[in-house]
Amino acid sequence: MITRLKNRLSRFRKEDDGAVIALEFMIMAPLIFSAFFMGVEMGLYSIRQMLLDRGLEVTTREIRLNTNMPFDHDDLKRTICRNAGSLPDCMDVLRLEMVPMNPRTFAGLPAGADCVDTSLPVTPVRGWVLGKQHDLMLLRACYKFSPIFPTTGLGAAYHKDGSGKVAMTTISAFVQEPN
């Protein structure tokens, strides 16, 4: 029985009928799998972005209609995370900036979003001002997440912080309604 197995294996090793197909597979399989992994990563990124956008917009509406309510950073984070649905570790990795803007001399927010970096010590919240009635407000949320495939395709192309997390931001503008 062992000699029969040896004979079959030696015959298999000597045959070269499938060599071209094996070579094509070795070249094309990494390309196909990396495109598949990149598609999965982009789909999950899009879902997270949509959830973050929805959470921020619903929360912005609550702020706009309740001008005299004293919201603080943690209250808004909690509300955004609740309205966003299923963002993992939302309360730990979400950072908000809210500043009033003058529409006549609009300067915008600083270019770099204020994000949480879990590999560094905790820093205070940047740009947090509650608006008054008729104030134009900009609210920017920065959410950090870990890519599913961090070394392949899109996961490797993301700009990561010290802990390997990727930043995702969204901005909402609103005017405080009068009471």
N, C-alpha and C. Protein backbone atom coordinates (compact mmCIF):
# COMPACT_ATOMS: atom_id res chain seq x y z
N MET A 1 0.81 -1.18 0.00
CA MET A 1 0.00 0.00 0.00
C MET A 1 0.88 1.27 0.00
N ILE A 2 1.96 1.25 0.74
CA ILE A 2 2.85 2.40 0.79
C ILE A 2 3.55 2.57 -0.55
N THR A 3 3.92 1.47 -1.18
CA THR A 3 4.59 1.58 -2.48
C THR A 3 3.62 2.12 -3.53
N ARG A 4 2.36 1.74 -3.44
CA ARG A 4 1.37 2.26 -4.38
C ARG A 4 1.21 3.78 -4.20
N LEU A 5 1.20 4.23 -2.96
CA LEU A 5 1.09 5.66 -2.67
C LEU A 5 2.33 6.41 -3.17
N LYS A 6 3.50 5.83 -2.97
CA LYS A 6 4.74 6.45 -3.47
C LYS A 6 4.72 6.56 -4.98
N ASN A 7 4.25 5.50 -5.66
CA ASN A 7 4.18 5.53 -7.12
C ASN A 7 3.25 6.63 -7.62
N ARG A 8 2.11 6.77 -6.98
CA ARG A 8 1.15 7.81 -7.39
C ARG A 8 1.72 9.21 -7.13
N LEU A 9 2.36 9.41 -6.00
CA LEU A 9 2.94 10.72 -5.70
C LEU A 9 4.07 11.06 -6.66
N SER A 10 4.90 10.09 -7.01
CA SER A 10 5.99 10.36 -7.94
C SER A 10 5.43 10.66 -9.34
N ARG A 11 4.37 9.98 -9.75
CA ARG A 11 3.73 10.26 -11.03
C ARG A 11 3.12 11.67 -11.03
N PHE A 12 2.51 12.05 -9.90
CA PHE A 12 1.91 13.38 -9.75
C PHE A 12 2.98 14.47 -9.84
N ARG A 13 4.14 14.21 -9.23
CA ARG A 13 5.22 15.19 -9.22
C ARG A 13 5.81 15.36 -10.62
N LYS A 14 5.87 14.31 -11.42
CA LYS A 14 6.47 14.36 -12.75
C LYS A 14 5.55 15.01 -13.79
N GLU A 15 4.25 14.95 -13.58
CA GLU A 15 3.32 15.51 -14.56
C GLU A 15 3.34 17.03 -14.50
N ASP A 16 3.21 17.66 -15.66
CA ASP A 16 3.21 19.12 -15.70
C ASP A 16 2.02 19.65 -16.49
N ASP A 17 0.94 18.92 -16.54
CA ASP A 17 -0.24 19.35 -17.29
C ASP A 17 -0.88 20.61 -16.68
N GLY A 18 -0.92 20.75 -15.36
CA GLY A 18 -1.58 21.87 -14.71
C GLY A 18 -0.65 23.00 -14.32
N ALA A 19 0.56 23.04 -14.84
CA ALA A 19 1.54 24.04 -14.43
C ALA A 19 1.11 25.45 -14.81
N VAL A 20 0.51 25.62 -15.96
CA VAL A 20 0.10 26.95 -16.41
C VAL A 20 -1.04 27.47 -15.53
N ILE A 21 -1.97 26.63 -15.21
CA ILE A 21 -3.09 27.03 -14.36
C ILE A 21 -2.60 27.37 -12.96
N ALA A 22 -1.68 26.59 -12.43
CA ALA A 22 -1.15 26.88 -11.10
C ALA A 22 -0.40 28.21 -11.09
N LEU A 23 0.32 28.52 -12.16
CA LEU A 23 1.04 29.78 -12.25
C LEU A 23 0.07 30.96 -12.31
N GLU A 24 -0.98 30.84 -13.12
CA GLU A 24 -1.99 31.89 -13.18
C GLU A 24 -2.67 32.08 -11.83
N PHE A 25 -2.95 30.99 -11.16
CA PHE A 25 -3.58 31.08 -9.84
C PHE A 25 -2.66 31.80 -8.86
N MET A 26 -1.37 31.48 -8.89
CA MET A 26 -0.43 32.11 -7.96
C MET A 26 -0.31 33.61 -8.22
N ILE A 27 -0.49 34.04 -9.46
CA ILE A 27 -0.41 35.46 -9.77
C ILE A 27 -1.73 36.17 -9.46
N MET A 28 -2.83 35.56 -9.82
CA MET A 28 -4.12 36.24 -9.71
C MET A 28 -4.78 36.14 -8.33
N ALA A 29 -4.53 35.08 -7.59
CA ALA A 29 -5.20 34.91 -6.29
C ALA A 29 -4.92 36.06 -5.32
N PRO A 30 -3.67 36.51 -5.15
CA PRO A 30 -3.46 37.65 -4.24
C PRO A 30 -4.18 38.92 -4.70
N LEU A 31 -4.24 39.15 -6.00
CA LEU A 31 -4.93 40.33 -6.51
C LEU A 31 -6.43 40.25 -6.24
N ILE A 32 -7.01 39.10 -6.47
CA ILE A 32 -8.45 38.93 -6.25
C ILE A 32 -8.78 39.02 -4.76
N PHE A 33 -7.97 38.39 -3.93
CA PHE A 33 -8.25 38.44 -2.49
C PHE A 33 -8.04 39.84 -1.92
N SER A 34 -7.02 40.56 -2.41
CA SER A 34 -6.82 41.92 -1.89
C SER A 34 -7.96 42.83 -2.34
N ALA A 35 -8.47 42.64 -3.55
CA ALA A 35 -9.64 43.43 -3.99
C ALA A 35 -10.86 43.08 -3.14
N PHE A 36 -11.03 41.82 -2.79
CA PHE A 36 -12.15 41.41 -1.93
C PHE A 36 -12.01 42.03 -0.54
N PHE A 37 -10.81 41.96 0.04
CA PHE A 37 -10.60 42.54 1.37
C PHE A 37 -10.81 44.05 1.35
N MET A 38 -10.37 44.70 0.26
CA MET A 38 -10.55 46.14 0.15
C MET A 38 -12.04 46.48 0.04
N GLY A 39 -12.80 45.68 -0.65
CA GLY A 39 -14.24 45.90 -0.76
C GLY A 39 -14.95 45.75 0.58
N VAL A 40 -14.56 44.74 1.35
CA VAL A 40 -15.14 44.55 2.68
C VAL A 40 -14.79 45.72 3.58
N GLU A 41 -13.53 46.15 3.55
CA GLU A 41 -13.08 47.28 4.39
C GLU A 41 -13.83 48.56 4.00
N MET A 42 -13.99 48.81 2.71
CA MET A 42 -14.70 50.01 2.27
C MET A 42 -16.18 49.95 2.64
N GLY A 43 -16.78 48.79 2.56
CA GLY A 43 -18.18 48.65 2.97
C GLY A 43 -18.38 48.94 4.44
N LEU A 44 -17.49 48.40 5.28
CA LEU A 44 -17.60 48.66 6.72
C LEU A 44 -17.31 50.12 7.05
N TYR A 45 -16.36 50.73 6.33
CA TYR A 45 -16.09 52.16 6.53
C TYR A 45 -17.33 52.98 6.18
N SER A 46 -17.97 52.65 5.07
CA SER A 46 -19.17 53.38 4.65
C SER A 46 -20.30 53.24 5.65
N ILE A 47 -20.47 52.05 6.20
CA ILE A 47 -21.52 51.84 7.20
C ILE A 47 -21.23 52.67 8.44
N ARG A 48 -19.98 52.64 8.91
CA ARG A 48 -19.62 53.44 10.09
C ARG A 48 -19.82 54.93 9.83
N GLN A 49 -19.43 55.40 8.65
CA GLN A 49 -19.59 56.82 8.32
C GLN A 49 -21.06 57.20 8.30
N MET A 50 -21.90 56.36 7.73
CA MET A 50 -23.33 56.64 7.68
C MET A 50 -23.92 56.69 9.09
N LEU A 51 -23.53 55.76 9.95
CA LEU A 51 -24.02 55.75 11.33
C LEU A 51 -23.57 57.00 12.09
N LEU A 52 -22.31 57.39 11.91
CA LEU A 52 -21.80 58.59 12.57
C LEU A 52 -22.52 59.84 12.06
N ASP A 53 -22.73 59.94 10.74
CA ASP A 53 -23.45 61.09 10.18
C ASP A 53 -24.87 61.17 10.73
N ARG A 54 -25.55 60.04 10.79
CA ARG A 54 -26.92 60.04 11.30
C ARG A 54 -26.95 60.43 12.77
N GLY A 55 -26.06 59.87 13.57
CA GLY A 55 -26.01 60.20 14.98
C GLY A 55 -25.77 61.67 15.21
N LEU A 56 -24.86 62.27 14.43
CA LEU A 56 -24.56 63.70 14.59
C LEU A 56 -25.73 64.56 14.13
N GLU A 57 -26.38 64.21 13.04
CA GLU A 57 -27.49 65.03 12.54
C GLU A 57 -28.70 64.99 13.48
N VAL A 58 -29.03 63.83 14.01
CA VAL A 58 -30.16 63.74 14.94
C VAL A 58 -29.85 64.51 16.21
N THR A 59 -28.62 64.40 16.70
CA THR A 59 -28.21 65.13 17.90
C THR A 59 -28.20 66.64 17.64
N THR A 60 -27.73 67.05 16.47
CA THR A 60 -27.73 68.46 16.11
C THR A 60 -29.14 69.02 16.11
N ARG A 61 -30.07 68.25 15.65
CA ARG A 61 -31.47 68.70 15.67
C ARG A 61 -31.96 68.89 17.10
N GLU A 62 -31.60 67.98 17.98
CA GLU A 62 -31.99 68.12 19.39
C GLU A 62 -31.37 69.38 20.01
N ILE A 63 -30.12 69.66 19.70
CA ILE A 63 -29.46 70.86 20.24
C ILE A 63 -30.14 72.12 19.70
N ARG A 64 -30.39 72.12 18.41
CA ARG A 64 -30.96 73.29 17.76
C ARG A 64 -32.33 73.65 18.34
N LEU A 65 -33.13 72.64 18.63
CA LEU A 65 -34.49 72.90 19.12
C LEU A 65 -34.55 73.12 20.62
N ASN A 66 -33.51 72.78 21.35
CA ASN A 66 -33.47 72.96 22.82
C ASN A 66 -32.33 73.91 23.18
N THR A 67 -32.46 75.16 22.78
CA THR A 67 -31.38 76.13 22.93
C THR A 67 -30.98 76.35 24.38
N ASN A 68 -31.92 76.40 25.30
CA ASN A 68 -31.59 76.73 26.68
C ASN A 68 -31.16 75.52 27.51
N MET A 69 -31.06 74.35 26.91
CA MET A 69 -30.60 73.16 27.64
C MET A 69 -29.07 73.21 27.75
N PRO A 70 -28.53 73.04 28.96
CA PRO A 70 -27.06 73.10 29.11
C PRO A 70 -26.41 71.76 28.74
N PHE A 71 -26.05 71.59 27.47
CA PHE A 71 -25.37 70.38 27.03
C PHE A 71 -23.89 70.50 27.34
N ASP A 72 -23.27 69.41 27.74
CA ASP A 72 -21.81 69.39 27.84
C ASP A 72 -21.28 68.31 26.90
N HIS A 73 -19.98 68.21 26.84
CA HIS A 73 -19.32 67.29 25.90
C HIS A 73 -19.79 65.85 26.09
N ASP A 74 -19.84 65.37 27.32
CA ASP A 74 -20.23 63.98 27.57
C ASP A 74 -21.70 63.73 27.27
N ASP A 75 -22.57 64.71 27.52
CA ASP A 75 -23.99 64.55 27.18
C ASP A 75 -24.16 64.38 25.67
N LEU A 76 -23.47 65.22 24.90
CA LEU A 76 -23.59 65.11 23.45
C LEU A 76 -22.97 63.82 22.93
N LYS A 77 -21.85 63.41 23.50
CA LYS A 77 -21.26 62.12 23.10
C LYS A 77 -22.23 60.98 23.33
N ARG A 78 -22.84 60.98 24.50
CA ARG A 78 -23.81 59.93 24.84
C ARG A 78 -24.98 59.94 23.85
N THR A 79 -25.47 61.13 23.52
CA THR A 79 -26.60 61.25 22.61
C THR A 79 -26.21 60.82 21.20
N ILE A 80 -25.05 61.23 20.74
CA ILE A 80 -24.59 60.83 19.40
C ILE A 80 -24.42 59.32 19.34
N CYS A 81 -23.81 58.74 20.36
CA CYS A 81 -23.60 57.28 20.36
C CYS A 81 -24.93 56.53 20.40
N ARG A 82 -25.88 57.06 21.14
CA ARG A 82 -27.20 56.42 21.20
C ARG A 82 -27.89 56.51 19.84
N ASN A 83 -27.81 57.68 19.19
CA ASN A 83 -28.47 57.86 17.89
C ASN A 83 -27.72 57.19 16.75
N ALA A 84 -26.44 56.94 16.92
CA ALA A 84 -25.65 56.33 15.85
C ALA A 84 -25.89 54.84 15.72
N GLY A 85 -26.40 54.21 16.73
CA GLY A 85 -26.65 52.78 16.62
C GLY A 85 -25.53 51.96 17.19
N SER A 86 -24.84 51.25 16.34
CA SER A 86 -23.88 50.25 16.83
C SER A 86 -22.44 50.57 16.45
N LEU A 87 -21.96 51.75 16.83
CA LEU A 87 -20.53 52.05 16.65
C LEU A 87 -19.78 51.48 17.83
N PRO A 88 -18.81 50.59 17.60
CA PRO A 88 -18.09 49.97 18.72
C PRO A 88 -17.28 50.99 19.53
N ASP A 89 -17.32 50.87 20.84
CA ASP A 89 -16.57 51.72 21.78
C ASP A 89 -16.79 53.21 21.51
N CYS A 90 -18.00 53.58 21.18
CA CYS A 90 -18.30 54.95 20.77
C CYS A 90 -17.94 55.96 21.85
N MET A 91 -18.32 55.71 23.09
CA MET A 91 -18.07 56.68 24.16
C MET A 91 -16.57 56.86 24.44
N ASP A 92 -15.78 55.85 24.17
CA ASP A 92 -14.34 55.93 24.45
C ASP A 92 -13.53 56.59 23.34
N VAL A 93 -13.99 56.51 22.09
CA VAL A 93 -13.16 56.96 20.97
C VAL A 93 -13.80 58.10 20.17
N LEU A 94 -14.86 58.70 20.67
CA LEU A 94 -15.50 59.82 19.99
C LEU A 94 -15.08 61.12 20.66
N ARG A 95 -14.72 62.12 19.88
CA ARG A 95 -14.34 63.44 20.40
C ARG A 95 -15.09 64.48 19.60
N LEU A 96 -15.62 65.50 20.26
CA LEU A 96 -16.42 66.53 19.63
C LEU A 96 -15.76 67.90 19.75
N GLU A 97 -16.01 68.74 18.75
CA GLU A 97 -15.63 70.15 18.79
C GLU A 97 -16.88 70.94 18.41
N MET A 98 -17.23 71.96 19.20
CA MET A 98 -18.36 72.82 18.86
C MET A 98 -17.95 74.26 19.09
N VAL A 99 -18.02 75.06 18.02
CA VAL A 99 -17.61 76.46 18.11
C VAL A 99 -18.61 77.34 17.36
N PRO A 100 -18.85 78.56 17.88
CA PRO A 100 -19.71 79.50 17.13
C PRO A 100 -18.93 80.11 15.98
N MET A 101 -19.61 80.41 14.90
CA MET A 101 -18.99 81.01 13.72
C MET A 101 -19.74 82.28 13.35
N ASN A 102 -19.02 83.26 12.87
CA ASN A 102 -19.62 84.46 12.35
C ASN A 102 -19.79 84.25 10.85
N PRO A 103 -21.04 84.27 10.33
CA PRO A 103 -21.23 83.99 8.90
C PRO A 103 -20.63 85.05 7.98
N ARG A 104 -20.38 86.25 8.49
CA ARG A 104 -19.81 87.32 7.66
C ARG A 104 -18.29 87.21 7.53
N THR A 105 -17.66 86.67 8.55
CA THR A 105 -16.20 86.46 8.52
C THR A 105 -15.90 84.99 8.80
N PHE A 106 -16.47 84.14 8.00
CA PHE A 106 -16.39 82.70 8.23
C PHE A 106 -14.94 82.22 8.09
N ALA A 107 -14.45 81.60 9.15
CA ALA A 107 -13.07 81.09 9.13
C ALA A 107 -13.03 79.57 9.11
N GLY A 108 -14.09 78.90 9.53
CA GLY A 108 -14.12 77.44 9.55
C GLY A 108 -13.41 76.88 10.76
N LEU A 109 -13.36 75.59 10.82
CA LEU A 109 -12.68 74.89 11.90
C LEU A 109 -11.21 74.68 11.54
N PRO A 110 -10.35 74.42 12.53
CA PRO A 110 -8.96 74.08 12.20
C PRO A 110 -8.90 72.85 11.29
N ALA A 111 -7.89 72.79 10.46
CA ALA A 111 -7.78 71.72 9.47
C ALA A 111 -7.73 70.33 10.12
N GLY A 112 -6.96 70.17 11.16
CA GLY A 112 -6.85 68.87 11.82
C GLY A 112 -7.94 68.68 12.86
N ALA A 113 -8.69 67.60 12.73
CA ALA A 113 -9.75 67.33 13.69
C ALA A 113 -9.16 66.94 15.04
N ASP A 114 -9.86 67.30 16.10
CA ASP A 114 -9.46 66.93 17.46
C ASP A 114 -9.96 65.51 17.71
N CYS A 115 -9.05 64.55 17.65
CA CYS A 115 -9.42 63.14 17.80
C CYS A 115 -8.76 62.54 19.03
N VAL A 116 -9.31 61.43 19.47
CA VAL A 116 -8.76 60.69 20.61
C VAL A 116 -7.62 59.82 20.10
N ASP A 117 -6.49 59.87 20.79
CA ASP A 117 -5.39 58.96 20.49
C ASP A 117 -5.15 58.15 21.76
N THR A 118 -5.56 56.90 21.73
CA THR A 118 -5.49 56.08 22.94
C THR A 118 -4.06 55.70 23.32
N SER A 119 -3.10 55.96 22.42
CA SER A 119 -1.72 55.64 22.76
C SER A 119 -1.03 56.80 23.48
N LEU A 120 -1.68 57.97 23.54
CA LEU A 120 -1.12 59.15 24.18
C LEU A 120 -1.90 59.48 25.44
N PRO A 121 -1.35 60.32 26.33
CA PRO A 121 -2.12 60.74 27.52
C PRO A 121 -3.35 61.54 27.12
N VAL A 122 -4.33 61.58 28.00
CA VAL A 122 -5.59 62.26 27.75
C VAL A 122 -5.34 63.76 27.64
N THR A 123 -5.93 64.38 26.62
CA THR A 123 -5.82 65.83 26.44
C THR A 123 -7.19 66.46 26.62
N PRO A 124 -7.26 67.73 27.04
CA PRO A 124 -8.57 68.37 27.23
C PRO A 124 -9.28 68.58 25.89
N VAL A 125 -10.58 68.76 25.96
CA VAL A 125 -11.39 68.96 24.76
C VAL A 125 -11.06 70.33 24.18
N ARG A 126 -10.87 70.36 22.87
CA ARG A 126 -10.54 71.61 22.17
C ARG A 126 -11.80 72.20 21.57
N GLY A 127 -12.01 73.50 21.69
CA GLY A 127 -13.10 74.18 21.01
C GLY A 127 -14.47 73.73 21.45
N TRP A 128 -14.86 74.04 22.66
CA TRP A 128 -16.19 73.64 23.14
C TRP A 128 -16.89 74.87 23.70
N VAL A 129 -17.79 75.46 22.91
CA VAL A 129 -18.54 76.65 23.31
C VAL A 129 -20.00 76.42 23.00
N LEU A 130 -20.86 76.57 24.00
CA LEU A 130 -22.30 76.49 23.75
C LEU A 130 -22.76 77.81 23.17
N GLY A 131 -23.59 77.74 22.16
CA GLY A 131 -24.05 78.96 21.50
C GLY A 131 -25.27 79.57 22.17
N LYS A 132 -25.54 80.80 21.79
CA LYS A 132 -26.74 81.50 22.24
C LYS A 132 -27.75 81.47 21.10
N GLN A 133 -28.89 82.08 21.32
CA GLN A 133 -29.91 82.14 20.28
C GLN A 133 -29.37 82.85 19.05
N HIS A 134 -29.70 82.33 17.88
CA HIS A 134 -29.34 82.86 16.56
C HIS A 134 -27.85 82.73 16.25
N ASP A 135 -27.09 81.99 17.01
CA ASP A 135 -25.67 81.77 16.70
C ASP A 135 -25.52 80.64 15.68
N LEU A 136 -24.65 80.86 14.70
CA LEU A 136 -24.27 79.80 13.77
C LEU A 136 -23.22 78.95 14.46
N MET A 137 -23.48 77.66 14.57
CA MET A 137 -22.58 76.75 15.28
C MET A 137 -22.06 75.68 14.32
N LEU A 138 -20.81 75.31 14.50
CA LEU A 138 -20.23 74.17 13.79
C LEU A 138 -19.90 73.10 14.82
N LEU A 139 -20.34 71.89 14.54
CA LEU A 139 -20.08 70.75 15.43
C LEU A 139 -19.38 69.69 14.60
N ARG A 140 -18.16 69.32 15.02
CA ARG A 140 -17.39 68.30 14.32
C ARG A 140 -17.17 67.12 15.25
N ALA A 141 -17.43 65.93 14.75
CA ALA A 141 -17.22 64.70 15.52
C ALA A 141 -16.10 63.90 14.86
N CYS A 142 -15.21 63.37 15.68
CA CYS A 142 -14.12 62.52 15.20
C CYS A 142 -14.25 61.18 15.91
N TYR A 143 -14.39 60.13 15.14
CA TYR A 143 -14.55 58.77 15.66
C TYR A 143 -13.35 57.95 15.22
N LYS A 144 -12.77 57.20 16.13
CA LYS A 144 -11.62 56.34 15.82
C LYS A 144 -12.06 54.88 15.78
N PHE A 145 -11.54 54.12 14.85
CA PHE A 145 -11.85 52.69 14.75
C PHE A 145 -10.63 51.93 14.26
N SER A 146 -10.65 50.64 14.51
CA SER A 146 -9.57 49.76 14.04
C SER A 146 -10.01 49.11 12.73
N PRO A 147 -9.19 49.15 11.68
CA PRO A 147 -9.55 48.48 10.43
C PRO A 147 -9.63 46.97 10.61
N ILE A 148 -10.49 46.34 9.83
CA ILE A 148 -10.66 44.88 9.89
C ILE A 148 -9.41 44.18 9.36
N PHE A 149 -8.89 44.66 8.23
CA PHE A 149 -7.68 44.10 7.62
C PHE A 149 -6.62 45.20 7.59
N PRO A 150 -5.88 45.42 8.67
CA PRO A 150 -4.98 46.58 8.75
C PRO A 150 -3.75 46.51 7.85
N THR A 151 -3.43 45.35 7.32
CA THR A 151 -2.21 45.24 6.50
C THR A 151 -2.50 44.97 5.04
N THR A 152 -3.76 44.97 4.64
CA THR A 152 -4.13 44.60 3.28
C THR A 152 -4.98 45.69 2.65
N GLY A 153 -4.70 46.03 1.41
CA GLY A 153 -5.55 46.91 0.63
C GLY A 153 -5.80 48.25 1.29
N LEU A 154 -7.07 48.57 1.48
CA LEU A 154 -7.46 49.85 2.04
C LEU A 154 -7.04 50.00 3.49
N GLY A 155 -7.05 48.93 4.26
CA GLY A 155 -6.62 48.99 5.65
C GLY A 155 -5.18 49.42 5.79
N ALA A 156 -4.34 49.06 4.82
CA ALA A 156 -2.93 49.48 4.84
C ALA A 156 -2.78 50.93 4.37
N ALA A 157 -3.73 51.43 3.58
CA ALA A 157 -3.63 52.78 3.04
C ALA A 157 -4.12 53.85 4.02
N TYR A 158 -4.91 53.46 5.01
CA TYR A 158 -5.40 54.43 5.99
C TYR A 158 -4.25 55.05 6.77
N HIS A 159 -4.42 56.32 7.16
CA HIS A 159 -3.46 56.97 8.06
C HIS A 159 -3.84 56.58 9.49
N LYS A 160 -2.94 55.87 10.19
CA LYS A 160 -3.24 55.36 11.52
C LYS A 160 -2.48 56.16 12.58
N ASP A 161 -3.05 56.20 13.81
CA ASP A 161 -2.37 56.86 14.92
C ASP A 161 -1.45 55.86 15.61
N GLY A 162 -0.94 56.22 16.77
CA GLY A 162 -0.01 55.37 17.50
C GLY A 162 -0.58 54.04 17.95
N SER A 163 -1.89 53.97 18.12
CA SER A 163 -2.51 52.72 18.57
C SER A 163 -3.08 51.92 17.40
N GLY A 164 -2.86 52.35 16.15
CA GLY A 164 -3.33 51.61 14.99
C GLY A 164 -4.77 51.91 14.62
N LYS A 165 -5.34 53.00 15.15
CA LYS A 165 -6.72 53.35 14.84
C LYS A 165 -6.77 54.42 13.75
N VAL A 166 -7.88 54.42 13.02
CA VAL A 166 -8.10 55.33 11.90
C VAL A 166 -9.17 56.34 12.30
N ALA A 167 -8.98 57.60 11.89
CA ALA A 167 -9.93 58.67 12.22
C ALA A 167 -10.98 58.81 11.13
N MET A 168 -12.20 59.07 11.56
CA MET A 168 -13.32 59.34 10.66
C MET A 168 -14.02 60.58 11.21
N THR A 169 -14.24 61.60 10.38
CA THR A 169 -14.84 62.83 10.87
C THR A 169 -16.11 63.16 10.11
N THR A 170 -16.96 63.93 10.76
CA THR A 170 -18.15 64.48 10.13
C THR A 170 -18.45 65.82 10.77
N ILE A 171 -19.01 66.73 9.99
CA ILE A 171 -19.28 68.09 10.45
C ILE A 171 -20.75 68.42 10.23
N SER A 172 -21.30 69.15 11.16
CA SER A 172 -22.67 69.62 11.03
C SER A 172 -22.73 71.09 11.43
N ALA A 173 -23.46 71.87 10.67
CA ALA A 173 -23.65 73.29 10.98
C ALA A 173 -25.12 73.51 11.29
N PHE A 174 -25.39 74.39 12.26
CA PHE A 174 -26.77 74.69 12.63
C PHE A 174 -26.83 76.05 13.27
N VAL A 175 -28.04 76.58 13.33
CA VAL A 175 -28.29 77.87 13.98
C VAL A 175 -29.16 77.61 15.19
N GLN A 176 -28.77 78.15 16.32
CA GLN A 176 -29.56 77.99 17.55
C GLN A 176 -30.90 78.70 17.36
N GLU A 177 -31.97 77.97 17.59
CA GLU A 177 -33.31 78.54 17.43
C GLU A 177 -33.68 79.40 18.63
N PRO A 178 -34.46 80.46 18.41
CA PRO A 178 -34.92 81.25 19.55
C PRO A 178 -36.03 80.51 20.29
N ASN A 179 -36.18 80.83 21.56
CA ASN A 179 -37.25 80.19 22.35
C ASN A 179 -38.52 80.98 22.27
